[in-house]
């Protein structure tokens, strides 16, 4: 693979590119953990679908989707901002500054997530009855509200570990421990459970993962020099990332929520299974991004345009090579993969095919969003995400009214392709190169 990446993505004058070594080395670690995490999540979803049944799994799908979306909003953009700030602080030899950013971010996110959790708890009856016409959704939704604070803090800690380049610990926290412990807890409970029972198990697994991540962070940063940072300063910096994150999460999670407006719990369950299968390909993007993010920031800060361009193209090449087989398998045997969840899940074959095509574009464009975020163009990224999210949601609602889940899937896939291509053009405009390996360009980073 190294030879392929060097030929397509570019090579150093002599010998192997040291940045490529680190990308492949640490990227392989993150990829390994991510593969393990994806495998665990895949098994977890199948076991949940079979233990809950298609109806309760549909309720669970809506609950976990709303929980993840609200958790993302409650993070206020700090999950993206903390990677950049921690990486900058460590690069400058200022561990105290890194600690200050993490602790202040966690304080603010904790307050925001508690408020969000309380709001969901209080509105669960209204959401279930008035919005979804599904009264039985109320109980599990109110229980999943308690998961929001733990999930929000867990992600902040995991992202800060990426800033330290501790990709193994970050992957463990964000991708492995929650599904691992959730599986262990599920095995210990009776055969029949309900969606609200899963909320308690999910909360326990998330708290364990959060504790492990915080332990790894404190072990990595030995400095007791905790600098003072004002809440206003961190909020001002995180604001553009917040807008970008809201747009990104709306694009990621809104489709299942919209399907629930027009379809019963069984259709929601099958659509959710298809969407989870389609995102299998995106784990490759996330794995490579885990190590690329701090390196992009460091190279841009130092004005190292040549290595920035080379690393961007090399990472895209790795993504394309690794994603090829999963994409082909999903497109070739949709009924088989959905059938693993149960016989009634095979009705989502078309959504699976369309969403997988959208994910293929996502992987093929490379780390375009991350590049913009880590090089000072987070406002551009945020504008693209938000604009695309609003248009995609509007299109999904209209198409959902006419064609149901198939229409929502089509609109979602088109939206995903749109923001990736738009950001690809933005990277070319602001940084002067294409992330796709075979396209030439000339880097331009302000000195």
Protein backbone atom coordinates (compact mmCIF):
# COMPACT_ATOMS: atom_id res chain seq x y z
CA UNK A 1 0.00 0.00 0.00
CA UNK A 2 2.88 2.38 0.78
CA UNK A 3 4.08 2.18 -2.84
CA UNK A 4 0.61 2.89 -4.19
CA UNK A 5 0.16 5.84 -1.86
CA UNK A 6 3.52 7.35 -2.79
CA UNK A 7 2.90 7.02 -6.52
CA UNK A 8 -0.56 8.57 -6.39
CA UNK A 9 -0.21 10.92 -3.45
CA UNK A 10 3.34 12.10 -3.97
CA UNK A 11 6.69 11.20 -2.34
CA UNK A 12 9.59 12.98 -0.69
CA UNK A 13 12.80 13.61 -2.59
CA UNK A 14 14.58 10.62 -1.06
CA UNK A 15 13.30 7.79 1.10
CA UNK A 16 9.87 7.37 2.58
CA UNK A 17 8.02 10.49 3.65
CA UNK A 18 8.23 10.65 7.46
CA UNK A 19 4.72 12.04 7.63
CA UNK A 20 3.44 9.12 5.57
CA UNK A 21 5.22 6.74 7.95
CA UNK A 22 3.36 8.26 10.87
CA UNK A 23 0.09 8.38 8.95
CA UNK A 24 0.33 4.71 7.98
CA UNK A 25 1.76 3.63 11.35
CA UNK A 26 -0.56 5.46 13.70
CA UNK A 27 -3.29 5.41 11.11
CA UNK A 28 -3.05 1.62 11.12
CA UNK A 29 -3.48 1.64 14.90
CA UNK A 30 -6.54 3.88 14.66
CA UNK A 31 -7.81 1.79 11.74
CA UNK A 32 -7.37 -1.41 13.73
CA UNK A 33 -9.28 -0.04 16.70
CA UNK A 34 -11.90 1.41 14.38
CA UNK A 35 -12.31 -1.93 12.58
CA UNK A 36 -12.76 -3.57 15.97
CA UNK A 37 -15.25 -0.87 16.96
CA UNK A 38 -17.20 -1.20 13.72
CA UNK A 39 -17.29 -4.96 14.18
CA UNK A 40 -18.58 -4.57 17.73
CA UNK A 41 -21.21 -2.02 16.65
CA UNK A 42 -22.31 -4.30 13.81
CA UNK A 43 -22.75 -7.26 16.15
CA UNK A 44 -24.38 -4.98 18.72
CA UNK A 45 -26.99 -3.71 16.26
CA UNK A 46 -27.83 -7.26 15.14
CA UNK A 47 -28.21 -8.47 18.74
CA UNK A 48 -30.30 -5.42 19.63
CA UNK A 49 -32.53 -5.91 16.59
CA UNK A 50 -33.11 -9.54 17.46
CA UNK A 51 -33.58 -8.99 21.22
CA UNK A 52 -35.81 -5.96 20.85
CA UNK A 53 -37.79 -7.03 17.82
CA UNK A 54 -38.42 -4.79 14.85
CA UNK A 55 -40.94 -2.52 16.62
CA UNK A 56 -38.85 -1.83 19.75
CA UNK A 57 -35.73 -1.53 17.59
CA UNK A 58 -37.55 1.18 15.65
CA UNK A 59 -38.21 3.05 18.92
CA UNK A 60 -34.57 2.58 19.91
CA UNK A 61 -33.46 3.91 16.51
CA UNK A 62 -35.39 7.15 16.98
CA UNK A 63 -34.18 7.53 20.57
CA UNK A 64 -30.50 6.99 19.86
CA UNK A 65 -30.68 9.26 16.80
CA UNK A 66 -32.21 12.13 18.76
CA UNK A 67 -29.78 11.53 21.62
CA UNK A 68 -26.70 11.66 19.39
CA UNK A 69 -27.96 14.75 17.57
CA UNK A 70 -28.70 16.64 20.80
CA UNK A 71 -25.42 15.49 22.32
CA UNK A 72 -23.60 16.95 19.33
CA UNK A 73 -25.42 20.26 19.72
CA UNK A 74 -24.62 20.31 23.46
CA UNK A 75 -20.90 20.00 22.68
CA UNK A 76 -21.09 23.53 21.21
CA UNK A 77 -18.34 22.84 18.68
CA UNK A 78 -15.70 22.04 21.30
CA UNK A 79 -15.19 18.52 19.91
CA UNK A 80 -13.61 20.08 16.81
CA UNK A 81 -12.05 23.08 18.52
CA UNK A 82 -10.30 21.04 21.23
CA UNK A 83 -8.31 18.99 18.70
CA UNK A 84 -6.84 22.13 17.18
CA UNK A 85 -6.17 23.92 20.47
CA UNK A 86 -4.57 20.93 22.19
CA UNK A 87 -2.40 20.22 19.14
CA UNK A 88 -1.27 23.86 18.99
CA UNK A 89 -0.49 23.96 22.72
CA UNK A 90 1.53 20.74 22.67
CA UNK A 91 3.42 21.85 19.54
CA UNK A 92 4.42 25.05 21.37
CA UNK A 93 5.45 23.18 24.52
CA UNK A 94 2.54 24.55 26.58
CA UNK A 95 0.84 21.56 28.27
CA UNK A 96 -0.74 23.87 30.85
CA UNK A 97 -2.61 25.62 28.07
CA UNK A 98 -3.84 22.28 26.75
CA UNK A 99 -5.13 21.35 30.23
CA UNK A 100 -6.85 24.71 30.56
CA UNK A 101 -8.67 24.30 27.25
CA UNK A 102 -9.84 20.79 28.11
CA UNK A 103 -11.11 21.67 31.59
CA UNK A 104 -12.86 24.84 30.50
CA UNK A 105 -14.42 23.02 27.55
CA UNK A 106 -15.66 20.22 29.79
CA UNK A 107 -17.18 22.70 32.26
CA UNK A 108 -19.12 24.51 29.56
CA UNK A 109 -20.20 21.32 27.78
CA UNK A 110 -21.35 19.79 31.06
CA UNK A 111 -23.69 22.71 31.74
CA UNK A 112 -24.96 22.77 28.15
CA UNK A 113 -25.56 19.01 28.08
CA UNK A 114 -27.43 19.03 31.41
CA UNK A 115 -29.75 21.72 30.08
CA UNK A 116 -30.26 19.81 26.82
CA UNK A 117 -30.90 16.57 28.69
CA UNK A 118 -33.44 18.21 30.96
CA UNK A 119 -35.24 19.74 28.00
CA UNK A 120 -35.52 16.39 26.20
CA UNK A 121 -36.75 14.71 29.38
CA UNK A 122 -39.48 17.30 29.89
CA UNK A 123 -40.56 17.27 26.22
CA UNK A 124 -40.45 13.50 25.68
CA UNK A 125 -44.25 13.11 25.96
CA UNK A 126 -44.86 15.94 23.51
CA UNK A 127 -42.30 14.64 21.00
CA UNK A 128 -43.70 11.10 21.17
CA UNK A 129 -47.36 12.04 20.99
CA UNK A 130 -47.61 15.22 18.93
CA UNK A 131 -44.64 14.81 16.58
CA UNK A 132 -44.38 11.05 16.01
CA UNK A 133 -47.87 9.89 17.01
CA UNK A 134 -46.18 7.09 18.92
CA UNK A 135 -47.00 7.30 22.68
CA UNK A 136 -44.78 4.31 23.50
CA UNK A 137 -41.78 6.34 22.36
CA UNK A 138 -42.06 8.60 25.42
CA UNK A 139 -40.63 6.23 28.07
CA UNK A 140 -37.41 5.23 26.25
CA UNK A 141 -36.87 8.78 25.01
CA UNK A 142 -37.03 10.20 28.54
CA UNK A 143 -34.53 7.57 29.69
CA UNK A 144 -32.12 8.25 26.82
CA UNK A 145 -32.07 11.93 27.87
CA UNK A 146 -29.72 10.91 30.70
CA UNK A 147 -27.20 9.61 28.15
CA UNK A 148 -26.61 13.08 26.63
CA UNK A 149 -24.19 14.56 29.26
CA UNK A 150 -22.04 11.43 29.48
CA UNK A 151 -21.81 11.11 25.69
CA UNK A 152 -20.96 14.79 25.20
CA UNK A 153 -18.14 14.70 27.76
CA UNK A 154 -16.83 11.38 26.44
CA UNK A 155 -16.46 12.82 22.93
CA UNK A 156 -14.66 15.94 24.23
CA UNK A 157 -12.13 13.79 26.08
CA UNK A 158 -11.64 11.50 23.07
CA UNK A 159 -11.06 14.45 20.72
CA UNK A 160 -8.55 15.99 23.11
CA UNK A 161 -6.61 12.72 23.06
CA UNK A 162 -6.41 13.07 19.26
CA UNK A 163 -4.82 16.47 19.82
CA UNK A 164 -2.16 14.68 21.89
CA UNK A 165 -1.71 12.23 18.97
CA UNK A 166 -2.77 9.40 21.28
CA UNK A 167 -4.92 7.88 18.55
CA UNK A 168 -5.07 4.45 20.20
CA UNK A 169 -6.67 5.78 23.40
CA UNK A 170 -8.94 8.11 21.43
CA UNK A 171 -10.17 5.20 19.32
CA UNK A 172 -10.71 3.06 22.41
CA UNK A 173 -12.81 5.76 24.04
CA UNK A 174 -14.81 6.79 20.99
CA UNK A 175 -15.17 3.55 19.06
CA UNK A 176 -14.51 0.45 21.15
CA UNK A 177 -15.38 0.65 24.84
CA UNK A 178 -19.04 1.69 24.58
CA UNK A 179 -20.12 -1.11 22.18
CA UNK A 180 -17.85 -3.58 24.01
CA UNK A 181 -19.34 -2.96 27.45
CA UNK A 182 -22.84 -2.59 26.02
CA UNK A 183 -22.52 -6.02 24.44
CA UNK A 184 -21.28 -7.47 27.72
CA UNK A 185 -24.19 -5.92 29.60
CA UNK A 186 -26.71 -7.09 26.99
CA UNK A 187 -25.51 -10.67 27.29
CA UNK A 188 -26.09 -10.56 31.05
CA UNK A 189 -29.74 -9.46 30.80
CA UNK A 190 -32.80 -11.63 29.99
CA UNK A 191 -33.62 -12.46 26.39
CA UNK A 192 -36.46 -9.96 26.02
CA UNK A 193 -35.73 -6.30 26.72
CA UNK A 194 -37.29 -3.01 25.71
CA UNK A 195 -35.81 0.15 24.25
CA UNK A 196 -35.89 1.96 27.60
CA UNK A 197 -33.76 -0.81 29.15
CA UNK A 198 -31.07 -0.17 26.54
CA UNK A 199 -30.84 3.46 27.73
CA UNK A 200 -29.61 2.40 31.18
CA UNK A 201 -27.09 -0.04 29.69
CA UNK A 202 -25.88 2.61 27.24
CA UNK A 203 -25.41 5.12 30.05
CA UNK A 204 -23.32 2.68 32.08
CA UNK A 205 -21.08 1.82 29.13
CA UNK A 206 -20.58 5.51 28.27
CA UNK A 207 -19.58 6.42 31.84
CA UNK A 208 -16.97 3.64 31.84
CA UNK A 209 -15.55 4.89 28.53
CA UNK A 210 -15.48 8.49 29.80
CA UNK A 211 -13.61 7.44 32.92
CA UNK A 212 -10.99 5.55 30.92
CA UNK A 213 -10.45 8.48 28.55
CA UNK A 214 -10.04 10.97 31.38
CA UNK A 215 -7.53 8.65 33.07
CA UNK A 216 -5.49 8.42 29.84
CA UNK A 217 -5.53 12.20 29.46
CA UNK A 218 -4.30 12.90 33.00
CA UNK A 219 -1.59 10.27 32.59
CA UNK A 220 -0.36 11.88 29.36
CA UNK A 221 -0.26 15.48 30.66
CA UNK A 222 1.88 15.65 33.78
CA UNK A 223 2.02 19.45 34.00
CA UNK A 224 0.26 20.99 37.00
CA UNK A 225 0.43 24.44 35.42
CA UNK A 226 -3.22 25.15 34.76
CA UNK A 227 -3.57 28.45 32.93
CA UNK A 228 -6.64 30.62 33.22
CA UNK A 229 -8.88 30.95 30.17
CA UNK A 230 -12.14 32.86 30.13
CA UNK A 231 -15.37 31.21 29.06
CA UNK A 232 -15.92 34.04 26.59
CA UNK A 233 -12.60 33.30 24.88
CA UNK A 234 -13.26 29.60 24.39
CA UNK A 235 -16.86 30.16 23.28
CA UNK A 236 -15.77 32.76 20.73
CA UNK A 237 -13.21 30.36 19.28
CA UNK A 238 -15.60 27.38 19.26
CA UNK A 239 -18.53 29.23 17.64
CA UNK A 240 -17.59 28.58 13.98
CA UNK A 241 -16.92 24.93 14.84
CA UNK A 242 -20.33 24.77 16.52
CA UNK A 243 -22.07 25.95 13.35
CA UNK A 244 -20.11 23.42 11.30
CA UNK A 245 -20.85 20.63 13.75
CA UNK A 246 -24.56 21.36 13.85
CA UNK A 247 -24.68 21.23 10.05
CA UNK A 248 -22.65 18.02 9.97
CA UNK A 249 -24.78 16.29 12.61
CA UNK A 250 -28.01 17.36 10.95
CA UNK A 251 -26.77 15.79 7.73
CA UNK A 252 -25.70 12.66 9.61
CA UNK A 253 -28.69 12.05 11.86
CA UNK A 254 -31.71 13.94 10.51
CA UNK A 255 -32.67 11.34 7.89
CA UNK A 256 -33.76 8.74 10.45
CA UNK A 257 -35.72 11.39 12.35
CA UNK A 258 -37.46 12.49 9.14
CA UNK A 259 -38.29 8.91 8.14
CA UNK A 260 -40.00 8.57 11.51
CA UNK A 261 -42.36 11.41 10.58
CA UNK A 262 -43.77 9.51 7.60
CA UNK A 263 -43.36 5.84 8.46
CA UNK A 264 -44.06 3.35 11.25
CA UNK A 265 -41.50 1.95 13.68
CA UNK A 266 -40.74 -1.07 11.47
CA UNK A 267 -39.75 1.11 8.50
CA UNK A 268 -37.66 3.32 10.81
CA UNK A 269 -35.90 0.23 12.16
CA UNK A 270 -35.00 -1.07 8.69
CA UNK A 271 -33.88 2.38 7.50
CA UNK A 272 -31.70 2.84 10.59
CA UNK A 273 -30.08 -0.55 9.96
CA UNK A 274 -29.35 0.48 6.35
CA UNK A 275 -27.86 3.81 7.43
CA UNK A 276 -25.61 2.12 9.98
CA UNK A 277 -24.41 -0.36 7.36
CA UNK A 278 -23.68 2.43 4.88
CA UNK A 279 -21.55 4.32 7.40
CA UNK A 280 -19.23 1.32 7.70
CA UNK A 281 -17.18 2.91 4.91
CA UNK A 282 -16.84 6.21 6.79
CA UNK A 283 -14.84 4.57 9.59
CA UNK A 284 -11.88 4.65 7.22
CA UNK A 285 -12.19 8.42 6.88
CA UNK A 286 -12.49 8.84 10.65
CA UNK A 287 -9.49 6.58 11.33
CA UNK A 288 -7.18 8.51 9.01
CA UNK A 289 -8.52 11.86 10.28
CA UNK A 290 -7.60 10.89 13.84
CA UNK A 291 -3.89 11.19 13.05
CA UNK A 292 -4.13 13.75 10.23
CA UNK A 293 -5.90 16.48 12.22
CA UNK A 294 -3.00 17.63 14.47
CA UNK A 295 -0.52 17.24 11.59
CA UNK A 296 -2.61 19.47 9.32
CA UNK A 297 -2.66 22.14 12.03
CA UNK A 298 1.10 21.94 12.64
CA UNK A 299 1.97 22.08 8.93
CA UNK A 300 -0.34 25.01 8.27
CA UNK A 301 1.01 26.90 11.30
CA UNK A 302 4.58 26.38 10.08
CA UNK A 303 3.70 27.32 6.48
CA UNK A 304 4.75 23.87 5.23
CA UNK A 305 2.51 23.89 2.15
CA UNK A 306 4.34 21.14 0.26
CA UNK A 307 3.96 18.56 3.02
CA UNK A 308 0.39 19.67 3.72
CA UNK A 309 -0.62 18.99 0.13
CA UNK A 310 1.31 15.73 -0.01
CA UNK A 311 -0.20 14.44 3.24
CA UNK A 312 -3.72 15.42 2.15
CA UNK A 313 -3.38 13.48 -1.10
CA UNK A 314 -1.69 10.51 0.54
CA UNK A 315 -4.44 10.24 3.15
CA UNK A 316 -7.13 10.38 0.43
CA UNK A 317 -5.38 7.62 -1.47
CA UNK A 318 -5.29 5.40 1.60
CA UNK A 319 -9.00 6.03 2.18
CA UNK A 320 -9.94 5.12 -1.39
CA UNK A 321 -7.87 1.92 -1.37
CA UNK A 322 -9.26 0.72 1.95
CA UNK A 323 -12.88 1.67 1.24
CA UNK A 324 -13.12 -0.06 -2.14
CA UNK A 325 -13.88 -3.60 -0.92
CA UNK A 326 -16.47 -2.64 1.77
CA UNK A 327 -18.33 -0.48 -0.75
CA UNK A 328 -18.38 -3.25 -3.37
CA UNK A 329 -19.62 -5.80 -0.82
CA UNK A 330 -22.43 -3.54 0.41
CA UNK A 331 -23.61 -2.70 -3.09
CA UNK A 332 -23.37 -6.29 -4.34
CA UNK A 333 -25.22 -8.04 -1.49
CA UNK A 334 -27.64 -5.57 0.17
CA UNK A 335 -30.27 -8.20 1.02
CA UNK A 336 -27.72 -10.41 2.76
CA UNK A 337 -26.40 -7.66 5.07
CA UNK A 338 -29.85 -6.39 5.97
CA UNK A 339 -31.10 -9.94 6.47
CA UNK A 340 -28.66 -10.33 9.36
CA UNK A 341 -30.87 -7.97 11.37
CA UNK A 342 -34.04 -9.96 10.62
CA UNK A 343 -36.38 -10.78 7.74
CA UNK A 344 -38.33 -7.51 7.92
CA UNK A 345 -35.19 -5.41 7.48
CA UNK A 346 -34.66 -6.38 3.83
CA UNK A 347 -37.18 -3.73 2.74
CA UNK A 348 -34.39 -1.12 3.09
CA UNK A 349 -32.26 -2.38 0.19
CA UNK A 350 -32.71 0.76 -1.91
CA UNK A 351 -31.78 3.13 0.97
CA UNK A 352 -28.70 1.02 1.64
CA UNK A 353 -27.54 1.26 -1.99
CA UNK A 354 -28.13 5.00 -2.24
CA UNK A 355 -26.57 5.85 1.13
CA UNK A 356 -23.52 3.71 0.32
CA UNK A 357 -23.07 5.67 -2.91
CA UNK A 358 -23.14 8.90 -0.89
CA UNK A 359 -20.55 7.51 1.51
CA UNK A 360 -18.35 6.58 -1.47
CA UNK A 361 -18.25 10.24 -2.49
CA UNK A 362 -17.52 11.17 1.12
CA UNK A 363 -14.47 8.92 1.26
CA UNK A 364 -13.34 9.76 -2.28
CA UNK A 365 -13.09 13.50 -1.60
CA UNK A 366 -10.83 12.93 1.40
CA UNK A 367 -10.48 15.01 4.56
CA UNK A 368 -11.84 18.20 3.01
CA UNK A 369 -13.84 19.33 6.03
CA UNK A 370 -11.01 18.58 8.43
CA UNK A 371 -8.53 20.44 6.23
CA UNK A 372 -10.68 23.56 6.31
CA UNK A 373 -11.22 23.28 10.08
CA UNK A 374 -7.56 22.74 10.93
CA UNK A 375 -6.22 25.51 8.68
CA UNK A 376 -8.27 28.47 9.90
CA UNK A 377 -11.15 28.15 7.43
CA UNK A 378 -13.70 26.83 9.89
CA UNK A 379 -16.16 29.60 8.99
CA UNK A 380 -16.18 28.44 5.38
CA UNK A 381 -16.68 24.87 6.51
CA UNK A 382 -19.52 25.91 8.82
CA UNK A 383 -21.30 27.85 6.09
CA UNK A 384 -21.11 24.90 3.71
CA UNK A 385 -22.36 22.43 6.30
CA UNK A 386 -25.25 24.59 7.46
CA UNK A 387 -26.38 25.58 3.98
CA UNK A 388 -26.26 22.00 2.74
CA UNK A 389 -27.97 20.71 5.88
CA UNK A 390 -30.92 23.10 5.54
CA UNK A 391 -31.38 22.29 1.84
CA UNK A 392 -31.02 18.54 2.47
CA UNK A 393 -33.55 18.52 5.30
CA UNK A 394 -36.02 20.52 3.20
CA UNK A 395 -35.54 18.15 0.26
CA UNK A 396 -35.80 15.09 2.54
CA UNK A 397 -39.12 16.25 3.95
CA UNK A 398 -40.56 16.87 0.50
CA UNK A 399 -39.26 13.61 -0.95
CA UNK A 400 -40.26 11.72 2.19
CA UNK A 401 -43.86 12.88 1.77
CA UNK A 402 -43.84 11.56 -1.80
CA UNK A 403 -41.58 8.49 -1.75
CA UNK A 404 -41.10 7.66 1.94
CA UNK A 405 -37.80 6.22 3.15
CA UNK A 406 -36.47 5.85 -0.41
CA UNK A 407 -36.94 9.56 -1.04
CA UNK A 408 -35.26 10.53 2.24
CA UNK A 409 -32.29 8.28 1.46
CA UNK A 410 -31.89 9.81 -2.01
CA UNK A 411 -31.99 13.37 -0.68
CA UNK A 412 -29.52 12.48 2.08
CA UNK A 413 -27.05 10.90 -0.34
CA UNK A 414 -27.26 13.88 -2.71
CA UNK A 415 -26.73 16.24 0.22
CA UNK A 416 -23.66 14.31 1.35
CA UNK A 417 -22.17 14.36 -2.14
CA UNK A 418 -22.94 18.08 -2.45
CA UNK A 419 -21.14 19.22 0.70
CA UNK A 420 -18.12 17.03 -0.06
CA UNK A 421 -17.72 18.40 -3.59
CA UNK A 422 -18.35 21.95 -2.35
CA UNK A 423 -15.64 21.58 0.30
CA UNK A 424 -13.32 20.01 -2.26
CA UNK A 425 -13.66 23.23 -4.28
CA UNK A 426 -13.19 25.32 -1.12
CA UNK A 427 -9.92 23.53 -0.31
CA UNK A 428 -8.74 24.24 -3.85
CA UNK A 429 -9.71 27.91 -3.48
CA UNK A 430 -8.20 28.56 -0.03
CA UNK A 431 -5.27 26.14 0.08
CA UNK A 432 -4.50 25.88 -3.62
CA UNK A 433 -4.62 22.12 -4.19
CA UNK A 434 -6.98 19.23 -4.77
CA UNK A 435 -7.18 16.45 -2.21
CA UNK A 436 -7.88 13.90 -4.93
CA UNK A 437 -4.45 12.34 -5.66
CA UNK A 438 -4.48 12.49 -9.47
CA UNK A 439 -5.39 16.18 -9.69
CA UNK A 440 -2.54 18.68 -9.78
CA UNK A 441 -2.47 21.94 -7.87
CA UNK A 442 -0.19 24.52 -6.32
CA UNK A 443 -0.34 25.01 -2.56
CA UNK A 444 -0.70 28.53 -1.26
CA UNK A 445 -0.49 29.02 2.46
CA UNK A 446 -0.08 32.55 3.79
CA UNK A 447 3.29 33.00 5.42
